[in-house]
N, C-alpha and C. Protein backbone atom coordinates (compact mmCIF):
# COMPACT_ATOMS: atom_id res chain seq x y z
N MET A 1 -39.92 43.42 19.37
CA MET A 1 -41.96 42.76 19.28
C MET A 1 -41.98 41.62 18.03
N SER A 2 -42.11 40.61 18.50
CA SER A 2 -42.38 39.80 16.90
C SER A 2 -44.07 40.07 16.52
N THR A 3 -44.37 39.68 15.06
CA THR A 3 -45.50 39.58 14.49
C THR A 3 -45.55 38.17 13.69
N SER A 4 -46.60 37.33 14.11
CA SER A 4 -47.03 36.24 13.40
C SER A 4 -47.26 36.56 12.00
N LYS A 5 -46.90 35.82 10.94
CA LYS A 5 -47.66 36.15 9.53
C LYS A 5 -47.83 34.67 8.93
N THR A 6 -49.31 35.06 8.64
CA THR A 6 -49.84 33.63 7.83
C THR A 6 -50.57 34.45 6.50
N TYR A 7 -49.95 33.68 5.37
CA TYR A 7 -50.44 33.99 4.09
C TYR A 7 -51.58 33.61 3.44
N SER A 8 -52.72 33.62 2.86
CA SER A 8 -53.37 33.14 2.56
C SER A 8 -53.46 32.61 1.13
N GLN A 9 -52.33 33.53 0.51
CA GLN A 9 -52.15 32.57 -0.67
C GLN A 9 -51.17 31.63 -0.92
N LEU A 10 -50.44 30.97 0.40
CA LEU A 10 -49.86 30.18 0.52
C LEU A 10 -50.51 28.76 0.92
N PRO A 11 -50.15 27.40 0.92
CA PRO A 11 -51.15 26.75 1.18
C PRO A 11 -50.78 26.34 3.03
N ARG A 12 -51.78 25.84 3.74
CA ARG A 12 -52.13 25.38 5.04
C ARG A 12 -51.00 24.72 5.60
N THR A 13 -50.68 25.19 6.96
CA THR A 13 -49.25 24.87 7.41
C THR A 13 -49.82 23.35 7.52
N MET A 14 -48.98 22.18 8.08
CA MET A 14 -49.13 21.02 8.28
C MET A 14 -48.74 21.04 9.71
N GLY A 15 -48.67 22.44 11.04
CA GLY A 15 -48.47 22.13 11.98
C GLY A 15 -49.37 23.04 13.11
N PRO A 16 -48.82 23.22 14.06
CA PRO A 16 -49.18 24.40 14.95
C PRO A 16 -48.14 25.46 14.77
N TYR A 17 -48.12 26.13 13.49
CA TYR A 17 -47.19 27.26 13.42
C TYR A 17 -47.48 27.72 12.33
N VAL A 18 -46.90 28.98 12.23
CA VAL A 18 -47.12 30.59 11.27
C VAL A 18 -46.11 30.38 10.21
N HIS A 19 -46.39 30.82 8.75
CA HIS A 19 -45.79 30.92 7.61
C HIS A 19 -44.32 31.41 7.77
N ALA A 20 -44.37 32.60 9.00
CA ALA A 20 -42.98 33.64 9.05
C ALA A 20 -43.55 34.30 10.16
N VAL A 21 -42.36 34.63 10.87
CA VAL A 21 -42.64 35.88 12.35
C VAL A 21 -41.49 36.70 11.92
N ARG A 22 -41.87 37.92 11.93
CA ARG A 22 -41.41 39.44 11.85
C ARG A 22 -40.73 40.10 13.02
N HIS A 23 -39.43 40.11 13.14
CA HIS A 23 -38.75 40.52 14.40
C HIS A 23 -38.33 41.49 13.90
N HIS A 24 -38.37 43.13 14.32
CA HIS A 24 -37.97 44.32 14.22
C HIS A 24 -37.68 44.46 12.34
N ASP A 25 -36.77 44.30 11.80
CA ASP A 25 -36.68 44.49 10.19
C ASP A 25 -36.56 42.86 9.59
N THR A 26 -36.48 42.19 10.29
CA THR A 26 -35.96 40.76 9.57
C THR A 26 -37.33 39.95 9.46
N LEU A 27 -37.69 39.18 8.32
CA LEU A 27 -38.47 38.36 8.34
C LEU A 27 -38.07 36.57 8.65
N TYR A 28 -37.93 35.83 9.67
CA TYR A 28 -37.86 34.65 9.60
C TYR A 28 -39.12 33.62 8.85
N VAL A 29 -38.65 32.85 7.81
CA VAL A 29 -39.53 31.86 6.95
C VAL A 29 -39.77 30.67 7.23
N SER A 30 -41.01 30.35 8.23
CA SER A 30 -40.74 28.96 7.97
C SER A 30 -40.84 27.76 7.04
N GLY A 31 -40.38 26.74 7.25
CA GLY A 31 -39.75 25.77 6.60
C GLY A 31 -41.02 25.65 5.57
N LEU A 32 -40.38 25.97 4.06
CA LEU A 32 -41.57 25.57 3.23
C LEU A 32 -41.78 24.21 2.20
N THR A 33 -42.71 23.51 2.08
CA THR A 33 -42.88 22.57 1.17
C THR A 33 -43.88 22.54 0.36
N ALA A 34 -43.85 21.38 -0.35
CA ALA A 34 -45.10 21.64 -1.09
C ALA A 34 -46.55 20.51 -0.91
N ALA A 35 -45.98 20.49 0.47
CA ALA A 35 -47.42 19.81 1.14
C ALA A 35 -48.50 20.84 1.03
N ASN A 36 -50.25 20.04 0.72
CA ASN A 36 -50.91 20.40 0.74
C ASN A 36 -50.88 21.13 -1.26
N THR A 37 -50.42 20.78 -1.82
CA THR A 37 -50.49 21.72 -3.30
C THR A 37 -50.25 20.65 -4.01
N GLU A 38 -50.57 20.62 -5.61
CA GLU A 38 -50.25 19.70 -6.30
C GLU A 38 -48.76 18.96 -6.79
N ALA A 39 -47.88 19.80 -6.15
CA ALA A 39 -46.58 19.30 -6.01
C ALA A 39 -46.47 18.15 -5.16
N GLN A 40 -46.84 17.94 -4.29
CA GLN A 40 -46.84 17.30 -2.86
C GLN A 40 -46.34 15.90 -3.42
N SER A 41 -46.68 14.84 -4.03
CA SER A 41 -46.58 13.77 -4.94
C SER A 41 -45.47 13.68 -6.04
N ALA A 42 -45.40 15.00 -6.57
CA ALA A 42 -44.59 15.03 -7.64
C ALA A 42 -42.89 14.82 -7.12
N ARG A 43 -42.50 14.91 -8.45
CA ARG A 43 -40.43 15.32 -8.59
C ARG A 43 -40.45 15.82 -7.93
N LEU A 44 -38.89 15.83 -7.24
CA LEU A 44 -37.92 16.96 -6.43
C LEU A 44 -38.16 18.34 -7.48
N GLU A 45 -37.84 18.34 -8.95
CA GLU A 45 -38.19 19.64 -9.27
C GLU A 45 -39.23 20.55 -9.05
N GLU A 46 -40.48 19.53 -9.04
CA GLU A 46 -41.59 19.96 -9.38
C GLU A 46 -42.04 20.90 -7.78
N GLN A 47 -41.57 20.05 -6.83
CA GLN A 47 -41.67 20.48 -5.45
C GLN A 47 -40.69 21.67 -5.07
N THR A 48 -39.71 21.79 -5.77
CA THR A 48 -38.40 22.91 -5.68
C THR A 48 -39.14 24.21 -6.11
N ALA A 49 -39.74 23.79 -7.54
CA ALA A 49 -40.63 24.93 -8.29
C ALA A 49 -41.52 25.62 -7.54
N GLU A 50 -42.36 24.58 -6.78
CA GLU A 50 -43.26 25.25 -5.94
C GLU A 50 -43.04 26.00 -4.49
N ILE A 51 -42.31 25.69 -4.21
CA ILE A 51 -41.40 26.11 -3.11
C ILE A 51 -40.81 27.49 -3.64
N LEU A 52 -40.12 27.72 -4.38
CA LEU A 52 -39.60 29.07 -5.06
C LEU A 52 -41.06 29.84 -5.14
N ARG A 53 -41.98 29.14 -5.73
CA ARG A 53 -42.95 29.92 -5.86
C ARG A 53 -43.74 30.79 -4.74
N GLN A 54 -43.65 29.74 -3.30
CA GLN A 54 -43.82 30.49 -2.40
C GLN A 54 -43.08 31.04 -1.92
N LEU A 55 -42.04 31.29 -2.09
CA LEU A 55 -41.01 32.58 -1.47
C LEU A 55 -41.35 33.78 -2.30
N GLU A 56 -41.24 33.72 -4.00
CA GLU A 56 -41.71 34.87 -4.59
C GLU A 56 -42.99 35.70 -4.04
N VAL A 57 -43.84 34.58 -3.40
CA VAL A 57 -45.25 35.39 -3.08
C VAL A 57 -45.29 35.84 -1.54
N ILE A 58 -44.15 35.35 -0.72
CA ILE A 58 -43.89 36.21 0.32
C ILE A 58 -43.31 37.37 0.16
N LEU A 59 -42.54 37.60 -0.48
CA LEU A 59 -41.34 38.39 -1.14
C LEU A 59 -42.60 39.72 -1.94
N ALA A 60 -43.52 39.46 -2.63
CA ALA A 60 -44.22 40.27 -2.95
C ALA A 60 -45.03 40.65 -2.13
N HIS A 61 -45.61 40.02 -1.35
CA HIS A 61 -46.81 40.64 -0.37
C HIS A 61 -45.77 41.54 1.15
N GLU A 62 -44.75 41.39 1.03
CA GLU A 62 -43.71 41.96 1.89
C GLU A 62 -42.97 43.29 0.90
N GLN A 63 -43.17 43.31 -0.50
CA GLN A 63 -42.97 44.73 -1.00
C GLN A 63 -41.15 44.34 -0.99
N ARG A 64 -40.76 42.95 -1.34
CA ARG A 64 -39.31 42.61 -1.17
C ARG A 64 -38.68 42.29 -2.63
N GLY A 65 -37.61 42.30 -2.54
CA GLY A 65 -37.18 41.52 -3.78
C GLY A 65 -36.34 40.40 -3.60
N LYS A 66 -35.80 39.45 -4.58
CA LYS A 66 -34.79 38.10 -4.13
C LYS A 66 -33.74 39.05 -3.58
N LEU A 67 -33.32 40.04 -3.71
CA LEU A 67 -31.96 40.72 -3.06
C LEU A 67 -32.05 40.63 -1.73
N ASP A 68 -33.60 40.68 -1.53
CA ASP A 68 -33.72 40.83 0.13
C ASP A 68 -33.61 39.63 0.94
N LEU A 69 -33.78 38.12 0.29
CA LEU A 69 -33.90 36.73 0.20
C LEU A 69 -31.91 36.62 0.97
N ILE A 70 -31.98 36.69 2.26
CA ILE A 70 -30.42 36.76 2.29
C ILE A 70 -30.01 35.16 3.37
N LYS A 71 -30.77 34.18 3.35
CA LYS A 71 -30.53 33.32 3.88
C LYS A 71 -31.15 32.29 3.64
N LEU A 72 -31.03 31.50 3.65
CA LEU A 72 -31.56 30.16 3.08
C LEU A 72 -31.48 29.17 3.75
N THR A 73 -31.84 28.06 4.49
CA THR A 73 -31.44 26.75 4.77
C THR A 73 -32.87 25.58 4.19
N ILE A 74 -31.74 24.51 3.26
CA ILE A 74 -32.58 23.91 2.36
C ILE A 74 -32.65 22.27 2.71
N TYR A 75 -33.20 21.84 3.40
CA TYR A 75 -33.21 20.36 3.88
C TYR A 75 -33.55 19.13 2.56
N LEU A 76 -32.58 18.47 2.17
CA LEU A 76 -33.51 17.63 1.41
C LEU A 76 -33.46 16.03 1.91
N ARG A 77 -33.92 15.05 1.02
CA ARG A 77 -34.01 13.86 1.86
C ARG A 77 -32.57 13.19 1.08
N ASP A 78 -32.33 13.40 -0.23
CA ASP A 78 -30.90 12.91 -0.59
C ASP A 78 -30.21 13.91 -1.27
N ILE A 79 -29.05 14.18 -0.68
CA ILE A 79 -28.32 14.88 -1.00
C ILE A 79 -27.32 14.89 -2.77
N ASN A 80 -27.65 13.47 -2.80
CA ASN A 80 -27.35 13.27 -4.11
C ASN A 80 -28.21 13.79 -5.64
N THR A 81 -29.26 14.52 -4.84
CA THR A 81 -30.33 14.92 -5.90
C THR A 81 -30.17 16.15 -6.11
N LEU A 82 -28.75 17.07 -5.78
CA LEU A 82 -28.86 18.33 -5.82
C LEU A 82 -28.70 18.74 -6.80
N PRO A 83 -28.20 17.90 -8.09
CA PRO A 83 -28.03 18.38 -9.12
C PRO A 83 -29.12 19.03 -9.68
N LEU A 84 -30.53 18.10 -9.65
CA LEU A 84 -31.55 18.25 -9.95
C LEU A 84 -32.22 19.46 -9.83
N ILE A 85 -32.20 20.03 -8.94
CA ILE A 85 -32.60 21.31 -8.46
C ILE A 85 -31.42 22.46 -8.64
N ARG A 86 -30.21 22.36 -9.07
CA ARG A 86 -29.26 23.49 -9.12
C ARG A 86 -29.59 24.47 -10.18
N THR A 87 -30.06 23.90 -11.29
CA THR A 87 -30.30 24.77 -12.63
C THR A 87 -32.00 25.57 -11.95
N LEU A 88 -32.82 25.44 -11.52
CA LEU A 88 -33.96 25.97 -10.56
C LEU A 88 -33.09 27.08 -9.99
N LEU A 89 -32.34 26.58 -9.05
CA LEU A 89 -31.82 27.53 -8.09
C LEU A 89 -30.59 28.56 -8.78
N LEU A 90 -30.01 28.77 -9.44
CA LEU A 90 -29.59 29.20 -10.43
C LEU A 90 -30.58 30.19 -11.40
N THR A 91 -31.93 29.90 -11.79
CA THR A 91 -32.38 30.58 -12.41
C THR A 91 -33.00 31.60 -11.29
N PHE A 92 -33.64 31.07 -10.65
CA PHE A 92 -33.98 31.86 -9.63
C PHE A 92 -33.65 32.81 -8.77
N PHE A 93 -32.09 32.66 -8.75
CA PHE A 93 -31.06 33.95 -8.07
C PHE A 93 -30.58 34.66 -9.13
N SER A 94 -30.74 33.97 -10.08
CA SER A 94 -30.19 35.27 -11.12
C SER A 94 -29.04 35.57 -11.04
N GLY A 95 -27.91 35.09 -10.41
CA GLY A 95 -26.33 35.55 -9.87
C GLY A 95 -26.16 36.14 -9.02
N HIS A 96 -27.52 36.66 -7.79
CA HIS A 96 -27.32 36.97 -6.73
C HIS A 96 -27.68 36.13 -5.28
N PHE A 97 -26.91 35.34 -5.17
CA PHE A 97 -27.22 33.93 -4.26
C PHE A 97 -26.95 34.53 -2.91
N PRO A 98 -28.10 34.14 -2.11
CA PRO A 98 -28.19 34.77 -0.40
C PRO A 98 -27.07 33.41 0.35
N ALA A 99 -26.98 33.75 1.42
CA ALA A 99 -25.89 32.85 2.37
C ALA A 99 -26.70 31.25 2.38
N CYS A 100 -26.40 30.31 2.52
CA CYS A 100 -27.07 29.06 2.00
C CYS A 100 -26.27 28.19 2.91
N THR A 101 -27.46 27.24 3.65
CA THR A 101 -26.78 26.08 4.25
C THR A 101 -27.81 24.93 3.36
N MET A 102 -27.68 23.97 3.19
CA MET A 102 -27.35 22.12 2.65
C MET A 102 -27.51 21.61 3.67
N VAL A 103 -28.67 20.85 4.02
CA VAL A 103 -28.43 19.42 5.07
C VAL A 103 -29.39 18.40 4.20
N GLU A 104 -28.62 17.19 4.55
CA GLU A 104 -29.37 16.12 4.11
C GLU A 104 -30.47 15.56 5.63
N VAL A 105 -31.37 15.32 5.49
CA VAL A 105 -32.13 14.58 6.49
C VAL A 105 -33.04 13.38 6.68
N SER A 106 -33.44 12.81 7.09
CA SER A 106 -34.32 11.10 7.11
C SER A 106 -35.18 11.70 6.73
N GLY A 107 -36.10 12.68 7.06
CA GLY A 107 -37.14 12.29 6.79
C GLY A 107 -37.79 13.87 7.04
N LEU A 108 -38.99 14.29 6.23
CA LEU A 108 -39.84 15.19 6.76
C LEU A 108 -41.15 15.35 7.39
N VAL A 109 -41.66 16.27 7.20
CA VAL A 109 -43.07 16.30 7.66
C VAL A 109 -44.34 15.46 7.42
N HIS A 110 -43.90 15.08 6.18
CA HIS A 110 -45.01 13.92 5.30
C HIS A 110 -43.81 12.61 4.26
N PRO A 111 -44.07 11.85 4.58
CA PRO A 111 -43.47 10.91 3.58
C PRO A 111 -43.38 11.47 2.02
N ASP A 112 -44.09 12.30 1.27
CA ASP A 112 -44.00 12.23 0.16
C ASP A 112 -42.68 13.23 -0.17
N LEU A 113 -42.62 14.26 0.90
CA LEU A 113 -42.30 15.75 0.94
C LEU A 113 -40.44 15.10 0.66
N LEU A 114 -39.63 15.94 -0.60
CA LEU A 114 -38.18 15.74 -0.69
C LEU A 114 -37.15 16.65 -0.20
N ILE A 115 -38.30 17.73 -0.53
CA ILE A 115 -37.35 19.07 0.02
C ILE A 115 -38.54 19.91 0.79
N GLU A 116 -37.45 20.77 1.91
CA GLU A 116 -37.86 21.97 2.57
C GLU A 116 -36.90 23.05 2.50
N VAL A 117 -37.35 24.13 2.94
CA VAL A 117 -36.47 25.46 2.84
C VAL A 117 -36.99 26.60 3.32
N GLU A 118 -36.33 26.84 4.31
CA GLU A 118 -36.58 27.92 5.44
C GLU A 118 -35.46 29.31 4.76
N GLY A 119 -36.19 30.30 5.06
CA GLY A 119 -35.50 31.53 4.27
C GLY A 119 -35.17 32.50 5.59
N ILE A 120 -34.56 33.67 5.37
CA ILE A 120 -34.56 35.17 6.27
C ILE A 120 -34.56 35.98 5.24
N ILE A 121 -35.39 36.77 5.49
CA ILE A 121 -35.82 38.11 4.27
C ILE A 121 -35.18 39.22 5.10
N ALA A 122 -34.69 40.38 4.73
CA ALA A 122 -34.33 41.63 5.51
C ALA A 122 -35.27 42.61 5.13
N LEU A 123 -36.11 43.01 5.59
CA LEU A 123 -37.16 43.89 5.17
C LEU A 123 -36.73 45.55 5.40
N ALA A 124 -35.56 45.74 5.74
CA ALA A 124 -35.33 47.04 5.45
C ALA A 124 -33.82 47.34 4.72
């Protein structure tokens, strides 16, 4: 059985979906962006920092740590901007990295957005 999750500390979603879905002992996190935050029209680094903050909110709410974040999918509007966020990601994960897929996309749900991140969190 699956349970939909919406977190009041996160910005509202831009579509008819929830922040995450729990299925058994796994939490599938929808694509997080800087939409509906002060970082929405900011540079890539600020948008990335906002997304990492949102991931921390979810982890804290679920009483999990970064070690439980087992998979990320990162969508970048321009793959050549990866060096701009590399330090943020290295600092966030402090040496323990999840499995990760990175994809360049032509657009996201709003033209201001430069990055979107999905995650999978182990809950047990």
